[in-house]
Protein backbone atom coordinates (compact mmCIF):
# COMPACT_ATOMS: atom_id res chain seq x y z
CA MET A 1 -44.03 60.35 -65.14
CA PRO A 2 -46.23 60.71 -62.00
CA ALA A 3 -44.88 61.24 -58.50
CA PHE A 4 -46.04 59.16 -55.62
CA ARG A 5 -46.13 60.79 -52.22
CA ILE A 6 -46.89 59.45 -48.72
CA ALA A 7 -48.15 62.20 -46.46
CA PRO A 8 -46.36 63.09 -43.28
CA ALA A 9 -49.53 62.47 -41.29
CA VAL A 10 -49.72 58.92 -42.67
CA THR A 11 -46.06 58.14 -41.75
CA ASP A 12 -46.50 59.73 -38.42
CA ALA A 13 -49.44 57.45 -37.64
CA PHE A 14 -47.83 54.34 -39.22
CA PRO A 15 -43.99 54.93 -38.89
CA ASP A 16 -42.99 51.44 -40.04
CA THR A 17 -44.83 51.67 -43.31
CA LEU A 18 -43.03 50.44 -46.47
CA ILE A 19 -44.45 50.45 -49.99
CA ALA A 20 -42.98 48.82 -52.92
CA LEU A 21 -43.92 50.25 -56.39
CA VAL A 22 -43.28 47.83 -59.23
CA THR A 23 -43.51 49.63 -62.58
CA ALA A 24 -43.93 48.01 -66.01
CA SER A 25 -44.04 49.77 -69.38
CA GLY A 26 -44.59 48.27 -72.78
CA LEU A 27 -46.75 45.64 -71.05
CA ARG A 28 -48.30 43.01 -73.30
CA GLY A 29 -51.38 41.69 -71.71
CA ARG A 30 -52.80 39.83 -74.58
CA GLU A 31 -50.06 37.18 -74.92
CA PRO A 32 -49.84 34.01 -72.88
CA TRP A 33 -48.23 34.49 -69.44
CA PRO A 34 -47.24 30.80 -68.52
CA HIS A 35 -45.33 31.61 -65.43
CA THR A 36 -48.29 33.56 -63.92
CA ALA A 37 -50.67 30.63 -64.77
CA ALA A 38 -48.29 28.20 -63.10
CA ALA A 39 -48.05 30.38 -59.99
CA LEU A 40 -51.82 30.35 -59.62
CA GLU A 41 -52.13 26.70 -60.18
CA GLU A 42 -49.31 25.98 -57.68
CA LEU A 43 -51.01 28.00 -54.91
CA GLU A 44 -54.34 26.24 -55.60
CA GLN A 45 -52.61 22.74 -55.50
CA ARG A 46 -50.83 23.59 -52.31
CA LEU A 47 -54.05 24.60 -50.70
CA ALA A 48 -55.81 21.46 -52.01
CA ASP A 49 -53.09 19.16 -50.55
CA GLY A 50 -52.99 20.93 -47.25
CA SER A 51 -49.34 22.05 -47.54
CA TRP A 52 -50.21 25.77 -47.41
CA GLN A 53 -52.90 28.10 -46.21
CA PRO A 54 -53.40 31.79 -47.03
CA ALA A 55 -52.88 34.17 -44.07
CA ASP A 56 -56.00 35.01 -42.22
CA GLU A 57 -56.92 37.62 -39.69
CA THR A 58 -54.98 35.78 -36.92
CA ASP A 59 -51.73 36.28 -38.80
CA PRO A 60 -49.69 39.23 -37.67
CA ARG A 61 -49.40 40.51 -41.33
CA ILE A 62 -53.22 40.67 -41.61
CA GLU A 63 -53.88 41.66 -38.01
CA ALA A 64 -51.70 44.76 -38.47
CA TRP A 65 -53.95 46.03 -41.28
CA HIS A 66 -57.14 45.33 -39.20
CA THR A 67 -55.61 47.44 -36.52
CA ALA A 68 -54.88 50.24 -39.00
CA TYR A 69 -58.33 50.10 -40.48
CA ARG A 70 -59.90 50.52 -37.08
CA SER A 71 -57.66 53.46 -36.33
CA PHE A 72 -59.32 55.41 -39.20
CA GLY A 73 -62.81 54.26 -38.49
CA THR A 74 -63.20 51.30 -40.87
CA ASN A 75 -64.51 48.02 -39.56
CA PRO A 76 -62.07 45.49 -41.22
CA ARG A 77 -64.60 42.60 -40.81
CA ARG A 78 -67.00 44.44 -43.02
CA VAL A 79 -64.61 46.27 -45.30
CA ARG A 80 -61.65 43.86 -45.51
CA PRO A 81 -58.02 44.67 -46.48
CA SER A 82 -57.55 43.37 -50.04
CA VAL A 83 -55.19 40.55 -49.12
CA ASP A 84 -57.55 39.46 -46.35
CA ALA A 85 -60.53 39.27 -48.78
CA LEU A 86 -58.42 37.49 -51.37
CA GLY A 87 -57.19 35.00 -49.04
CA ARG A 88 -60.58 34.22 -47.58
CA ARG A 89 -61.94 33.82 -51.11
CA LEU A 90 -59.22 31.40 -51.96
CA ALA A 91 -59.65 29.35 -48.79
CA LYS A 92 -63.51 29.11 -49.38
CA LYS A 93 -63.50 28.42 -53.13
CA GLY A 94 -60.13 26.68 -53.63
CA THR A 95 -59.33 28.90 -56.62
CA LEU A 96 -58.16 32.42 -57.28
CA PRO A 97 -60.10 34.60 -59.86
CA ARG A 98 -58.66 34.88 -63.38
CA ILE A 99 -58.98 38.48 -64.44
CA ASN A 100 -56.19 39.12 -66.84
CA PRO A 101 -52.49 38.28 -66.68
CA ALA A 102 -51.34 41.46 -65.05
CA VAL A 103 -53.95 41.36 -62.30
CA ASP A 104 -53.58 37.58 -61.88
CA SER A 105 -49.85 38.24 -61.27
CA TYR A 106 -50.21 40.59 -58.35
CA ASN A 107 -53.02 38.55 -56.86
CA ALA A 108 -50.68 35.44 -56.79
CA VAL A 109 -47.84 37.44 -55.22
CA SER A 110 -50.23 39.10 -52.73
CA VAL A 111 -51.88 35.88 -51.31
CA ARG A 112 -48.55 33.95 -51.39
CA HIS A 113 -46.88 36.48 -49.12
CA GLY A 114 -49.74 37.85 -47.09
CA LEU A 115 -49.27 41.44 -48.34
CA PRO A 116 -51.83 43.77 -49.88
CA ALA A 117 -51.38 44.51 -53.54
CA GLY A 118 -53.06 46.57 -56.12
CA ALA A 119 -52.34 48.35 -59.51
CA PHE A 120 -53.00 51.45 -61.47
CA ASP A 121 -53.07 52.08 -65.28
CA LEU A 122 -50.73 55.07 -65.52
CA ASP A 123 -52.36 56.26 -68.66
CA HIS A 124 -55.53 56.97 -66.66
CA VAL A 125 -53.82 58.64 -63.74
CA THR A 126 -54.04 62.39 -63.61
CA GLY A 127 -51.03 64.26 -61.98
CA GLY A 128 -49.27 62.88 -58.98
CA VAL A 129 -50.68 60.19 -56.49
CA ASP A 130 -50.83 60.98 -52.71
CA ILE A 131 -51.38 58.53 -49.96
CA ARG A 132 -53.17 60.63 -47.35
CA HIS A 133 -56.09 61.04 -45.07
CA ALA A 134 -59.27 61.88 -46.93
CA ASP A 135 -61.04 65.19 -46.09
CA GLY A 136 -64.52 63.84 -47.07
CA THR A 137 -64.99 65.98 -50.26
CA GLU A 138 -63.36 63.45 -52.60
CA SER A 139 -65.25 61.11 -54.93
CA PHE A 140 -64.65 57.46 -55.60
CA THR A 141 -65.97 55.17 -58.33
CA PRO A 142 -65.48 51.59 -57.31
CA LEU A 143 -63.99 49.00 -59.72
CA GLY A 144 -66.74 47.40 -61.75
CA GLU A 145 -69.40 50.01 -60.84
CA PRO A 146 -68.74 52.97 -63.34
CA GLY A 147 -72.14 54.42 -62.42
CA THR A 148 -71.46 54.67 -58.63
CA VAL A 149 -69.93 57.50 -56.83
CA GLU A 150 -68.91 57.31 -53.15
CA ASN A 151 -67.32 59.82 -50.76
CA PRO A 152 -64.62 58.54 -48.40
CA ARG A 153 -65.08 59.45 -44.81
CA PRO A 154 -62.87 62.12 -43.39
CA GLY A 155 -59.75 60.55 -41.86
CA GLU A 156 -59.91 57.44 -44.10
CA ILE A 157 -56.51 56.72 -45.73
CA VAL A 158 -56.76 56.83 -49.54
CA TYR A 159 -54.73 56.94 -52.63
CA ALA A 160 -55.79 59.90 -54.63
CA ASP A 161 -54.67 61.70 -57.80
CA ALA A 162 -55.62 65.15 -59.17
CA THR A 163 -58.98 63.96 -60.20
CA ASP A 164 -60.34 61.70 -57.48
CA VAL A 165 -59.75 58.73 -55.17
CA LEU A 166 -57.92 55.62 -56.58
CA THR A 167 -58.22 53.33 -53.64
CA ARG A 168 -60.44 53.55 -50.58
CA HIS A 169 -59.61 52.34 -47.13
CA TRP A 170 -55.92 52.35 -47.99
CA ASN A 171 -56.11 49.08 -49.92
CA HIS A 172 -59.59 47.74 -49.77
CA ARG A 173 -60.78 48.37 -53.30
CA ASP A 174 -59.43 50.12 -56.49
CA ALA A 175 -61.15 52.73 -58.69
CA HIS A 176 -62.79 51.88 -61.93
CA ARG A 177 -61.04 54.60 -63.95
CA THR A 178 -57.48 53.38 -63.29
CA ARG A 179 -58.29 49.57 -63.57
CA VAL A 180 -55.73 47.32 -65.17
CA THR A 181 -56.95 45.56 -68.31
CA GLU A 182 -55.44 43.40 -71.02
CA ASP A 183 -54.79 46.58 -72.96
CA SER A 184 -53.01 48.51 -70.21
CA THR A 185 -49.39 49.10 -71.26
CA ARG A 186 -48.02 51.44 -68.47
CA VAL A 187 -48.84 50.05 -64.95
CA VAL A 188 -47.57 50.61 -61.45
CA PHE A 189 -48.16 47.78 -59.03
CA VAL A 190 -48.38 48.38 -55.28
CA LEU A 191 -47.21 46.02 -52.47
CA GLU A 192 -47.49 47.22 -48.88
CA THR A 193 -46.53 46.41 -45.26
CA LEU A 194 -47.07 48.32 -42.11
CA CYS A 195 -44.32 46.44 -40.32
CA ALA A 196 -41.09 47.01 -42.27
CA ALA A 197 -38.88 45.95 -39.39
CA ARG A 198 -40.50 42.60 -39.34
CA ASP A 199 -41.69 42.10 -43.00
CA GLY A 200 -39.45 44.43 -45.03
CA HIS A 201 -37.48 41.39 -46.37
CA LEU A 202 -40.78 39.72 -47.30
CA LEU A 203 -41.82 42.89 -49.25
CA LYS A 204 -38.52 42.85 -51.15
CA ILE A 205 -38.96 39.17 -52.04
CA ALA A 206 -42.58 39.73 -53.16
CA ALA A 207 -41.62 42.78 -55.25
CA GLU A 208 -38.84 40.76 -56.96
CA GLU A 209 -41.23 37.88 -57.61
CA LEU A 210 -43.82 40.26 -59.13
CA GLN A 211 -41.17 41.92 -61.22
CA GLY A 212 -40.07 38.39 -62.45
CA LEU A 213 -43.63 37.61 -63.57
CA LEU A 214 -43.96 40.95 -65.36
CA ALA A 215 -40.58 41.23 -67.01
CA PRO A 216 -41.01 38.64 -69.85
CA HIS A 217 -44.07 40.58 -70.98
CA ALA A 218 -42.87 44.15 -70.71
CA ASP A 219 -40.18 46.42 -72.26
CA ARG A 220 -39.03 47.77 -68.96
CA THR A 221 -39.76 47.08 -65.23
CA ALA A 222 -38.40 48.79 -62.04
CA VAL A 223 -38.91 48.78 -58.34
CA HIS A 224 -39.33 51.95 -56.20
CA HIS A 225 -40.04 52.32 -52.51
CA LEU A 226 -42.00 54.76 -50.40
CA GLY A 227 -41.81 55.20 -46.63
CA PRO A 228 -40.85 57.66 -43.88
CA ALA A 229 -37.32 57.76 -45.18
CA GLN A 230 -38.32 58.25 -48.76
CA PRO A 231 -41.79 59.86 -48.92
CA LEU A 232 -41.55 60.84 -52.51
CA THR A 233 -40.64 58.95 -55.64
CA THR A 234 -41.32 59.44 -59.32
CA VAL A 235 -42.31 56.26 -61.34
């Protein structure tokens, strides 16, 4: 099973980082996921009736990511953190995208709690995964663009395995190679906060909620954590 590591330079720069890794094996993505469908519909209904709004860039949870992006040279209003982009899309269109049940599950949890989320198909990950600063030599093929190759800028924080980059700008966009589809059976889902002292409880709630959506459709699920106190874990 792959190891996930967060580099000392990242935890030095962001000492209150906490990442939840929710793993699922034996995932069954082609059966109905009624609880996920209900979670999406509930959020959309609450938005429509005015009882809830997704977090925007004035919210401290999103603002922290904008500050982090600027620190490594990314303009967060041009290249937005995933949760910011997802919340803006929901606020504008009134609906969340339906991709597949696993992706829909982490999207619902992400936007509900204002925390960035992503996922990797572990059967397409090579070696371990490092959260580190890019050196500029790495390659990245964006989700949905299999013919495109980009090079992260030096200093940009990325998720990278032994082959190439899995996520650019920390959590802006995932790679095409490790995308989660209906046929993915071994998946790690990622939830993140830069402010564990303030939002660590929220991260725990979000991870448990995501695990609850996954568990009826998986043989096994588990939650692991990464941060300054535990910079390495095997999933």
